[in-house]
Amino acid sequence: MRNSKLIFFLLCGLLQASNIQVGGVPIWNSYTVTAIANTVNGCANANGCWQVNGVLGAIKTAGLTQSVTLFQLPANGYVSAYRIKSATACTGTATLLTGLGTTASANLFLVSAVTGYNLQTAVSATNLSLALPLVMGSDTTAATNIVASLTATVANIDQIVAGCSFTVWTLTSVLA
């Protein structure tokens, strides 16, 4: 019996290390969001763009709010925890907060406009947001996108200076 438990835990560790989700085994994944300038990494917009893990994403919007897709949560996906940490402090707007949610509810897990993580605070080892979500799971049993919501004041999102960067870690699993 003892050997079977050891094999189970070793198998779970191997599955987690290879990012394979099986049933209810939770997996931590990270998504680094970076503001890039026009002509960088395929960005073809004067406003600049966002990239996630080095892959070109959305064009920065000329508005005070925007959602940036991090990944697709599969059907019956479950978000049980998250962590957000700045890599490079953001400038260009009076304030800039990020939240975490889904396509249908951009602030389902962390409300950016109220309790969001401040992306303008100086980067340090202790400047991070680590919490259980306000809502655990998802707002649907269908596949949905998990997004980082951005809320700025005074200046629009497209005024965020290139190089602004933060990482979102999510602990997810799939309900069997």
N, C-alpha and C. Protein backbone atom coordinates (compact mmCIF):
# COMPACT_ATOMS: atom_id res chain seq x y z
N MET A 1 0.83 -1.19 0.00
CA MET A 1 0.00 0.00 0.00
C MET A 1 0.88 1.25 0.00
N ARG A 2 1.96 1.23 0.77
CA ARG A 2 2.83 2.38 0.86
C ARG A 2 3.45 2.69 -0.50
N ASN A 3 3.89 1.66 -1.24
CA ASN A 3 4.48 1.86 -2.56
C ASN A 3 3.46 2.42 -3.54
N SER A 4 2.20 2.02 -3.44
CA SER A 4 1.19 2.55 -4.37
C SER A 4 0.95 4.03 -4.13
N LYS A 5 1.00 4.46 -2.86
CA LYS A 5 0.84 5.89 -2.56
C LYS A 5 2.02 6.67 -3.13
N LEU A 6 3.22 6.14 -2.97
CA LEU A 6 4.41 6.80 -3.49
C LEU A 6 4.33 6.91 -5.01
N ILE A 7 3.92 5.85 -5.67
CA ILE A 7 3.78 5.88 -7.13
C ILE A 7 2.74 6.91 -7.54
N PHE A 8 1.62 6.98 -6.81
CA PHE A 8 0.59 7.97 -7.13
C PHE A 8 1.15 9.39 -7.03
N PHE A 9 1.85 9.71 -5.95
CA PHE A 9 2.38 11.06 -5.78
C PHE A 9 3.45 11.37 -6.81
N LEU A 10 4.28 10.39 -7.16
CA LEU A 10 5.27 10.61 -8.21
C LEU A 10 4.60 10.86 -9.55
N LEU A 11 3.55 10.09 -9.85
CA LEU A 11 2.81 10.28 -11.10
C LEU A 11 2.17 11.66 -11.14
N CYS A 12 1.57 12.08 -10.04
CA CYS A 12 0.97 13.42 -9.98
C CYS A 12 2.02 14.50 -10.22
N GLY A 13 3.20 14.33 -9.65
CA GLY A 13 4.29 15.29 -9.86
C GLY A 13 4.73 15.33 -11.30
N LEU A 14 4.83 14.18 -11.95
CA LEU A 14 5.21 14.14 -13.37
C LEU A 14 4.15 14.79 -14.23
N LEU A 15 2.87 14.53 -13.94
CA LEU A 15 1.80 15.15 -14.72
C LEU A 15 1.81 16.66 -14.55
N GLN A 16 2.03 17.12 -13.31
CA GLN A 16 2.07 18.56 -13.07
C GLN A 16 3.27 19.19 -13.76
N ALA A 17 4.41 18.54 -13.72
CA ALA A 17 5.61 19.09 -14.36
C ALA A 17 5.44 19.19 -15.87
N SER A 18 4.64 18.33 -16.47
CA SER A 18 4.43 18.37 -17.92
C SER A 18 3.16 19.12 -18.30
N ASN A 19 2.50 19.77 -17.32
CA ASN A 19 1.28 20.56 -17.56
C ASN A 19 0.14 19.74 -18.13
N ILE A 20 0.05 18.48 -17.79
CA ILE A 20 -1.07 17.65 -18.21
C ILE A 20 -2.09 17.66 -17.08
N GLN A 21 -3.34 17.98 -17.41
CA GLN A 21 -4.37 17.99 -16.39
C GLN A 21 -5.17 16.70 -16.47
N VAL A 22 -5.28 16.03 -15.34
CA VAL A 22 -6.05 14.80 -15.26
C VAL A 22 -7.02 14.93 -14.11
N GLY A 23 -8.32 14.84 -14.43
CA GLY A 23 -9.32 14.91 -13.38
C GLY A 23 -9.14 16.11 -12.49
N GLY A 24 -9.12 15.89 -11.19
CA GLY A 24 -9.06 16.98 -10.24
C GLY A 24 -7.65 17.37 -9.81
N VAL A 25 -6.61 16.90 -10.50
CA VAL A 25 -5.24 17.24 -10.12
C VAL A 25 -4.99 18.72 -10.45
N PRO A 26 -4.77 19.57 -9.43
CA PRO A 26 -4.55 20.99 -9.71
C PRO A 26 -3.17 21.25 -10.31
N ILE A 27 -3.11 22.21 -11.21
CA ILE A 27 -1.87 22.58 -11.91
C ILE A 27 -1.66 24.09 -11.79
N TRP A 28 -0.45 24.50 -11.42
CA TRP A 28 -0.09 25.92 -11.44
C TRP A 28 0.51 26.23 -12.81
N ASN A 29 0.02 27.29 -13.44
CA ASN A 29 0.58 27.79 -14.69
C ASN A 29 0.82 29.28 -14.55
N SER A 30 1.80 29.81 -15.29
CA SER A 30 2.08 31.25 -15.22
C SER A 30 1.89 31.88 -16.60
N TYR A 31 1.45 33.14 -16.56
CA TYR A 31 1.20 33.92 -17.77
C TYR A 31 1.78 35.30 -17.57
N THR A 32 2.82 35.64 -18.33
CA THR A 32 3.46 36.95 -18.23
C THR A 32 2.87 37.86 -19.30
N VAL A 33 2.29 38.96 -18.84
CA VAL A 33 1.65 39.95 -19.72
C VAL A 33 2.59 41.14 -19.83
N THR A 34 2.90 41.55 -21.07
CA THR A 34 3.84 42.65 -21.29
C THR A 34 3.29 43.61 -22.34
N ALA A 35 3.39 44.90 -22.06
CA ALA A 35 3.01 45.93 -23.04
C ALA A 35 4.17 46.09 -24.02
N ILE A 36 3.87 46.02 -25.33
CA ILE A 36 4.91 46.20 -26.35
C ILE A 36 4.52 47.32 -27.29
N ALA A 37 5.52 47.91 -27.92
CA ALA A 37 5.32 49.03 -28.83
C ALA A 37 5.00 48.54 -30.24
N ASN A 38 4.47 49.43 -31.04
CA ASN A 38 4.22 49.18 -32.46
C ASN A 38 5.52 48.68 -33.11
N THR A 39 5.41 47.71 -33.98
CA THR A 39 6.49 47.06 -34.75
C THR A 39 7.30 46.04 -33.93
N VAL A 40 7.01 45.87 -32.65
CA VAL A 40 7.72 44.88 -31.84
C VAL A 40 6.95 43.56 -31.85
N ASN A 41 7.65 42.48 -32.12
CA ASN A 41 7.06 41.13 -32.07
C ASN A 41 5.78 40.99 -32.88
N GLY A 42 5.71 41.68 -34.02
CA GLY A 42 4.54 41.56 -34.89
C GLY A 42 3.42 42.54 -34.59
N CYS A 43 3.57 43.38 -33.58
CA CYS A 43 2.53 44.38 -33.28
C CYS A 43 2.49 45.40 -34.42
N ALA A 44 1.32 45.57 -34.99
CA ALA A 44 1.16 46.49 -36.12
C ALA A 44 0.06 47.51 -35.81
N ASN A 45 0.19 48.18 -34.66
CA ASN A 45 -0.79 49.18 -34.28
C ASN A 45 -0.09 50.31 -33.54
N ALA A 46 -0.41 51.53 -33.90
CA ALA A 46 0.24 52.70 -33.30
C ALA A 46 0.03 52.75 -31.79
N ASN A 47 -1.07 52.18 -31.29
CA ASN A 47 -1.34 52.17 -29.85
C ASN A 47 -0.45 51.19 -29.08
N GLY A 48 0.18 50.25 -29.79
CA GLY A 48 0.94 49.20 -29.14
C GLY A 48 0.04 48.00 -28.88
N CYS A 49 0.61 46.96 -28.33
CA CYS A 49 -0.11 45.71 -28.12
C CYS A 49 0.27 45.10 -26.78
N TRP A 50 -0.41 44.03 -26.46
CA TRP A 50 -0.08 43.19 -25.32
C TRP A 50 0.46 41.87 -25.85
N GLN A 51 1.39 41.29 -25.14
CA GLN A 51 1.80 39.93 -25.45
C GLN A 51 1.68 39.11 -24.16
N VAL A 52 1.36 37.83 -24.33
CA VAL A 52 1.23 36.92 -23.20
C VAL A 52 2.20 35.78 -23.42
N ASN A 53 3.13 35.61 -22.50
CA ASN A 53 4.19 34.60 -22.63
C ASN A 53 4.93 34.72 -23.96
N GLY A 54 5.16 35.96 -24.40
CA GLY A 54 5.92 36.21 -25.62
C GLY A 54 5.13 36.08 -26.90
N VAL A 55 3.83 35.79 -26.81
CA VAL A 55 2.98 35.63 -28.00
C VAL A 55 2.12 36.88 -28.14
N LEU A 56 2.09 37.43 -29.35
CA LEU A 56 1.30 38.64 -29.62
C LEU A 56 -0.15 38.42 -29.25
N GLY A 57 -0.70 39.39 -28.53
CA GLY A 57 -2.10 39.31 -28.09
C GLY A 57 -2.88 40.50 -28.60
N ALA A 58 -3.70 41.07 -27.73
CA ALA A 58 -4.61 42.15 -28.09
C ALA A 58 -3.90 43.47 -28.31
N ILE A 59 -4.50 44.32 -29.13
CA ILE A 59 -4.07 45.71 -29.30
C ILE A 59 -4.47 46.48 -28.05
N LYS A 60 -3.57 47.35 -27.54
CA LYS A 60 -3.93 48.18 -26.39
C LYS A 60 -5.08 49.10 -26.80
N THR A 61 -6.10 49.16 -25.97
CA THR A 61 -7.31 49.91 -26.29
C THR A 61 -7.20 51.39 -25.90
N ALA A 62 -7.90 52.22 -26.64
CA ALA A 62 -7.98 53.65 -26.33
C ALA A 62 -9.17 53.89 -25.41
N GLY A 63 -9.21 53.19 -24.30
CA GLY A 63 -10.28 53.30 -23.31
C GLY A 63 -9.69 53.08 -21.93
N LEU A 64 -10.54 53.22 -20.91
CA LEU A 64 -10.07 53.10 -19.53
C LEU A 64 -10.08 51.67 -19.01
N THR A 65 -10.69 50.73 -19.74
CA THR A 65 -10.71 49.33 -19.32
C THR A 65 -10.39 48.43 -20.50
N GLN A 66 -9.80 47.29 -20.19
CA GLN A 66 -9.51 46.29 -21.21
C GLN A 66 -9.31 44.95 -20.53
N SER A 67 -9.67 43.89 -21.25
CA SER A 67 -9.41 42.53 -20.80
C SER A 67 -8.39 41.91 -21.73
N VAL A 68 -7.37 41.27 -21.16
CA VAL A 68 -6.34 40.59 -21.94
C VAL A 68 -6.46 39.09 -21.66
N THR A 69 -6.71 38.31 -22.72
CA THR A 69 -6.87 36.87 -22.55
C THR A 69 -5.55 36.22 -22.16
N LEU A 70 -5.60 35.43 -21.08
CA LEU A 70 -4.43 34.71 -20.61
C LEU A 70 -4.40 33.28 -21.16
N PHE A 71 -5.53 32.57 -21.05
CA PHE A 71 -5.61 31.19 -21.52
C PHE A 71 -7.06 30.75 -21.56
N GLN A 72 -7.30 29.60 -22.17
CA GLN A 72 -8.66 29.05 -22.20
C GLN A 72 -8.79 27.99 -21.11
N LEU A 73 -9.75 28.19 -20.23
CA LEU A 73 -10.10 27.20 -19.22
C LEU A 73 -11.01 26.19 -19.89
N PRO A 74 -10.68 24.89 -19.84
CA PRO A 74 -11.51 23.91 -20.52
C PRO A 74 -12.87 23.73 -19.86
N ALA A 75 -13.76 23.02 -20.54
CA ALA A 75 -15.07 22.70 -19.97
C ALA A 75 -14.86 22.04 -18.61
N ASN A 76 -15.69 22.40 -17.65
CA ASN A 76 -15.60 21.92 -16.27
C ASN A 76 -14.30 22.35 -15.58
N GLY A 77 -13.66 23.39 -16.11
CA GLY A 77 -12.45 23.91 -15.48
C GLY A 77 -12.77 24.59 -14.16
N TYR A 78 -11.79 24.61 -13.28
CA TYR A 78 -11.99 25.12 -11.93
C TYR A 78 -10.75 25.93 -11.52
N VAL A 79 -10.94 27.19 -11.18
CA VAL A 79 -9.86 28.04 -10.68
C VAL A 79 -9.97 28.05 -9.16
N SER A 80 -8.92 27.61 -8.48
CA SER A 80 -8.99 27.54 -7.03
C SER A 80 -8.08 28.55 -6.33
N ALA A 81 -7.11 29.12 -7.04
CA ALA A 81 -6.24 30.14 -6.44
C ALA A 81 -5.50 30.88 -7.55
N TYR A 82 -4.93 32.02 -7.20
CA TYR A 82 -4.13 32.80 -8.16
C TYR A 82 -3.09 33.60 -7.39
N ARG A 83 -2.14 34.11 -8.16
CA ARG A 83 -1.12 35.03 -7.63
C ARG A 83 -0.78 35.99 -8.75
N ILE A 84 -0.65 37.27 -8.44
CA ILE A 84 -0.27 38.28 -9.42
C ILE A 84 0.92 39.04 -8.86
N LYS A 85 1.92 39.28 -9.72
CA LYS A 85 3.11 40.02 -9.28
C LYS A 85 3.66 40.84 -10.43
N SER A 86 3.99 42.09 -10.16
CA SER A 86 4.62 42.94 -11.16
C SER A 86 6.03 42.47 -11.46
N ALA A 87 6.40 42.56 -12.74
CA ALA A 87 7.78 42.31 -13.15
C ALA A 87 8.46 43.64 -13.44
N THR A 88 7.72 44.56 -14.06
CA THR A 88 8.18 45.93 -14.32
C THR A 88 7.01 46.86 -14.03
N ALA A 89 7.19 47.81 -13.13
CA ALA A 89 6.10 48.73 -12.77
C ALA A 89 5.60 49.46 -14.01
N CYS A 90 4.30 49.67 -14.06
CA CYS A 90 3.66 50.31 -15.21
C CYS A 90 3.55 51.81 -15.01
N THR A 91 3.75 52.56 -16.08
CA THR A 91 3.58 54.01 -16.06
C THR A 91 2.78 54.42 -17.29
N GLY A 92 2.32 55.67 -17.29
CA GLY A 92 1.60 56.21 -18.44
C GLY A 92 0.16 56.55 -18.15
N THR A 93 -0.39 56.05 -17.03
CA THR A 93 -1.75 56.38 -16.61
C THR A 93 -1.69 56.84 -15.15
N ALA A 94 -2.74 57.55 -14.71
CA ALA A 94 -2.76 58.02 -13.32
C ALA A 94 -2.79 56.84 -12.35
N THR A 95 -3.61 55.85 -12.63
CA THR A 95 -3.65 54.61 -11.86
C THR A 95 -3.81 53.46 -12.84
N LEU A 96 -3.38 52.28 -12.44
CA LEU A 96 -3.58 51.08 -13.26
C LEU A 96 -3.69 49.89 -12.33
N LEU A 97 -4.88 49.29 -12.31
CA LEU A 97 -5.15 48.12 -11.49
C LEU A 97 -5.46 46.95 -12.40
N THR A 98 -5.11 45.75 -11.98
CA THR A 98 -5.48 44.56 -12.72
C THR A 98 -6.34 43.67 -11.85
N GLY A 99 -7.21 42.94 -12.51
CA GLY A 99 -8.07 41.96 -11.85
C GLY A 99 -7.97 40.65 -12.61
N LEU A 100 -8.81 39.69 -12.24
CA LEU A 100 -8.79 38.39 -12.87
C LEU A 100 -10.21 37.88 -13.00
N GLY A 101 -10.53 37.37 -14.18
CA GLY A 101 -11.89 36.88 -14.40
C GLY A 101 -12.00 36.04 -15.64
N THR A 102 -13.20 36.02 -16.19
CA THR A 102 -13.50 35.25 -17.40
C THR A 102 -13.99 36.20 -18.49
N THR A 103 -14.18 35.66 -19.68
CA THR A 103 -14.70 36.48 -20.78
C THR A 103 -16.02 37.14 -20.39
N ALA A 104 -16.91 36.39 -19.75
CA ALA A 104 -18.23 36.93 -19.40
C ALA A 104 -18.19 37.84 -18.18
N SER A 105 -17.22 37.67 -17.31
CA SER A 105 -17.13 38.46 -16.08
C SER A 105 -15.66 38.75 -15.79
N ALA A 106 -15.17 39.84 -16.36
CA ALA A 106 -13.73 40.15 -16.35
C ALA A 106 -13.14 40.29 -14.95
N ASN A 107 -13.95 40.48 -13.94
CA ASN A 107 -13.46 40.63 -12.58
C ASN A 107 -14.05 39.59 -11.64
N LEU A 108 -14.35 38.41 -12.16
CA LEU A 108 -14.99 37.37 -11.37
C LEU A 108 -14.16 36.98 -10.15
N PHE A 109 -12.85 36.85 -10.30
CA PHE A 109 -12.00 36.37 -9.22
C PHE A 109 -11.36 37.50 -8.41
N LEU A 110 -11.01 38.59 -9.05
CA LEU A 110 -10.42 39.75 -8.38
C LEU A 110 -10.93 41.00 -9.08
N VAL A 111 -11.64 41.84 -8.35
CA VAL A 111 -12.26 43.03 -8.93
C VAL A 111 -11.22 44.12 -9.12
N SER A 112 -10.86 44.41 -10.38
CA SER A 112 -9.79 45.37 -10.64
C SER A 112 -10.14 46.78 -10.21
N ALA A 113 -11.37 47.21 -10.41
CA ALA A 113 -11.73 48.59 -10.12
C ALA A 113 -11.84 48.86 -8.62
N VAL A 114 -11.96 47.83 -7.80
CA VAL A 114 -12.17 48.04 -6.37
C VAL A 114 -10.97 47.53 -5.55
N THR A 115 -10.66 46.27 -5.69
CA THR A 115 -9.61 45.65 -4.88
C THR A 115 -8.46 45.15 -5.73
N GLY A 116 -8.39 45.61 -6.95
CA GLY A 116 -7.39 45.09 -7.89
C GLY A 116 -5.95 45.29 -7.42
N TYR A 117 -5.08 44.59 -8.09
CA TYR A 117 -3.65 44.66 -7.81
C TYR A 117 -3.06 45.87 -8.53
N ASN A 118 -2.35 46.73 -7.80
CA ASN A 118 -1.80 47.96 -8.33
C ASN A 118 -0.53 47.67 -9.14
N LEU A 119 -0.61 47.88 -10.45
CA LEU A 119 0.51 47.60 -11.35
C LEU A 119 1.55 48.72 -11.38
N GLN A 120 1.30 49.82 -10.65
CA GLN A 120 2.23 50.94 -10.64
C GLN A 120 3.13 50.96 -9.41
N THR A 121 2.86 50.11 -8.46
CA THR A 121 3.68 50.04 -7.25
C THR A 121 5.05 49.47 -7.60
N ALA A 122 6.07 49.95 -6.90
CA ALA A 122 7.44 49.48 -7.16
C ALA A 122 7.53 47.96 -7.00
N VAL A 123 8.29 47.36 -7.88
CA VAL A 123 8.49 45.91 -7.86
C VAL A 123 9.37 45.54 -6.67
N SER A 124 8.93 44.54 -5.91
CA SER A 124 9.73 44.03 -4.79
C SER A 124 9.31 42.59 -4.52
N ALA A 125 10.06 41.93 -3.69
CA ALA A 125 9.76 40.53 -3.35
C ALA A 125 8.44 40.39 -2.60
N THR A 126 8.01 41.45 -1.92
CA THR A 126 6.78 41.36 -1.12
C THR A 126 5.59 42.04 -1.78
N ASN A 127 5.78 42.67 -2.94
CA ASN A 127 4.68 43.32 -3.64
C ASN A 127 4.01 42.30 -4.56
N LEU A 128 3.00 41.62 -4.02
CA LEU A 128 2.28 40.63 -4.80
C LEU A 128 0.86 40.48 -4.28
N SER A 129 0.03 39.91 -5.11
CA SER A 129 -1.34 39.60 -4.72
C SER A 129 -1.46 38.09 -4.70
N LEU A 130 -1.76 37.55 -3.55
CA LEU A 130 -1.89 36.10 -3.40
C LEU A 130 -3.18 35.85 -2.64
N ALA A 131 -4.10 35.17 -3.27
CA ALA A 131 -5.38 34.99 -2.60
C ALA A 131 -6.18 33.85 -3.21
N LEU A 132 -7.10 33.38 -2.41
CA LEU A 132 -8.13 32.52 -2.96
C LEU A 132 -9.10 33.44 -3.69
N PRO A 133 -9.64 33.02 -4.82
CA PRO A 133 -10.58 33.87 -5.55
C PRO A 133 -11.81 34.21 -4.71
N LEU A 134 -12.43 35.36 -5.01
CA LEU A 134 -13.70 35.72 -4.38
C LEU A 134 -14.74 34.66 -4.74
N VAL A 135 -14.69 34.20 -5.98
CA VAL A 135 -15.53 33.12 -6.47
C VAL A 135 -14.57 32.03 -6.92
N MET A 136 -14.78 30.81 -6.48
CA MET A 136 -13.93 29.71 -6.92
C MET A 136 -14.64 28.94 -8.02
N GLY A 137 -13.88 28.36 -8.92
CA GLY A 137 -14.46 27.59 -10.02
C GLY A 137 -14.47 28.41 -11.28
N SER A 138 -15.66 28.68 -11.78
CA SER A 138 -15.85 29.48 -12.98
C SER A 138 -17.30 29.92 -13.01
N ASP A 139 -17.64 30.77 -13.97
CA ASP A 139 -19.03 31.20 -14.09
C ASP A 139 -19.79 30.37 -15.13
N THR A 140 -19.19 29.29 -15.62
CA THR A 140 -19.82 28.41 -16.60
C THR A 140 -19.16 27.03 -16.54
N THR A 141 -19.87 26.01 -16.96
CA THR A 141 -19.26 24.69 -17.09
C THR A 141 -18.69 24.50 -18.49
N ALA A 142 -18.97 25.44 -19.39
CA ALA A 142 -18.40 25.40 -20.74
C ALA A 142 -16.98 25.96 -20.70
N ALA A 143 -16.22 25.70 -21.74
CA ALA A 143 -14.89 26.30 -21.87
C ALA A 143 -15.05 27.83 -21.91
N THR A 144 -14.11 28.53 -21.30
CA THR A 144 -14.15 29.99 -21.30
C THR A 144 -12.72 30.52 -21.20
N ASN A 145 -12.52 31.75 -21.61
CA ASN A 145 -11.20 32.38 -21.48
C ASN A 145 -11.04 32.98 -20.10
N ILE A 146 -9.84 32.84 -19.55
CA ILE A 146 -9.47 33.52 -18.31
C ILE A 146 -8.73 34.79 -18.74
N VAL A 147 -9.13 35.93 -18.17
CA VAL A 147 -8.58 37.21 -18.59
C VAL A 147 -8.01 37.99 -17.42
N ALA A 148 -7.02 38.82 -17.72
CA ALA A 148 -6.53 39.83 -16.79
C ALA A 148 -7.27 41.11 -17.18
N SER A 149 -8.01 41.68 -16.24
CA SER A 149 -8.71 42.93 -16.53
C SER A 149 -7.82 44.09 -16.12
N LEU A 150 -7.87 45.15 -16.91
CA LEU A 150 -7.08 46.35 -16.63
C LEU A 150 -8.03 47.52 -16.47
N THR A 151 -7.82 48.32 -15.43
CA THR A 151 -8.62 49.52 -15.19
C THR A 151 -7.67 50.68 -14.93
N ALA A 152 -7.77 51.71 -15.76
CA ALA A 152 -6.92 52.89 -15.64
C ALA A 152 -7.79 54.11 -15.30
N THR A 153 -7.15 55.17 -14.84
CA THR A 153 -7.85 56.44 -14.67
C THR A 153 -7.07 57.53 -15.39
N VAL A 154 -7.77 58.56 -15.78
CA VAL A 154 -7.27 59.76 -16.47
C VAL A 154 -6.81 59.43 -17.89
N ALA A 155 -5.71 58.70 -18.07
CA ALA A 155 -5.22 58.35 -19.41
C ALA A 155 -5.69 56.94 -19.78
N ASN A 156 -5.89 56.71 -21.07
CA ASN A 156 -6.36 55.42 -21.58
C ASN A 156 -5.28 54.34 -21.49
N ILE A 157 -5.71 53.12 -21.63
CA ILE A 157 -4.83 51.94 -21.59
C ILE A 157 -3.71 52.07 -22.64
N ASP A 158 -4.01 52.63 -23.81
CA ASP A 158 -2.99 52.73 -24.86
C ASP A 158 -1.84 53.66 -24.49
N GLN A 159 -1.97 54.38 -23.38
CA GLN A 159 -0.89 55.27 -22.92
C GLN A 159 0.09 54.56 -21.98
N ILE A 160 -0.20 53.31 -21.64
CA ILE A 160 0.72 52.54 -20.78
C ILE A 160 2.02 52.34 -21.55
N VAL A 161 3.11 52.66 -20.92
CA VAL A 161 4.42 52.63 -21.55
C VAL A 161 4.84 51.19 -21.83
N ALA A 162 5.41 50.98 -23.01
CA ALA A 162 5.94 49.66 -23.38
C ALA A 162 6.94 49.20 -22.33
N GLY A 163 6.90 47.93 -22.00
CA GLY A 163 7.77 47.37 -20.98
C GLY A 163 7.03 47.04 -19.70
N CYS A 164 5.87 47.66 -19.50
CA CYS A 164 5.02 47.31 -18.35
C CYS A 164 4.81 45.80 -18.39
N SER A 165 5.03 45.12 -17.28
CA SER A 165 4.94 43.66 -17.30
C SER A 165 4.53 43.11 -15.94
N PHE A 166 3.66 42.11 -15.97
CA PHE A 166 3.25 41.43 -14.74
C PHE A 166 2.96 39.97 -15.05
N THR A 167 3.03 39.14 -14.01
CA THR A 167 2.79 37.71 -14.17
C THR A 167 1.60 37.30 -13.33
N VAL A 168 0.75 36.46 -13.93
CA VAL A 168 -0.41 35.88 -13.25
C VAL A 168 -0.19 34.38 -13.18
N TRP A 169 -0.22 33.84 -11.98
CA TRP A 169 -0.17 32.39 -11.80
C TRP A 169 -1.58 31.95 -11.44
N THR A 170 -2.04 30.86 -12.00
CA THR A 170 -3.37 30.33 -11.65
C THR A 170 -3.24 28.85 -11.28
N LEU A 171 -4.00 28.46 -10.28
CA LEU A 171 -4.09 27.06 -9.88
C LEU A 171 -5.42 26.54 -10.41
N THR A 172 -5.36 25.68 -11.41
CA THR A 172 -6.58 25.20 -12.06
C THR A 172 -6.60 23.67 -12.10
N SER A 173 -7.79 23.16 -12.25
CA SER A 173 -7.99 21.73 -12.45
C SER A 173 -9.26 21.56 -13.28
N VAL A 174 -9.52 20.33 -13.66
CA VAL A 174 -10.74 20.01 -14.40
C VAL A 174 -11.54 19.03 -13.56
N LEU A 175 -12.78 19.39 -13.31
CA LEU A 175 -13.64 18.52 -12.52
C LEU A 175 -13.98 17.28 -13.34
N ALA A 176 -13.79 16.14 -12.74
CA ALA A 176 -14.04 14.87 -13.46
C ALA A 176 -15.50 14.50 -13.39
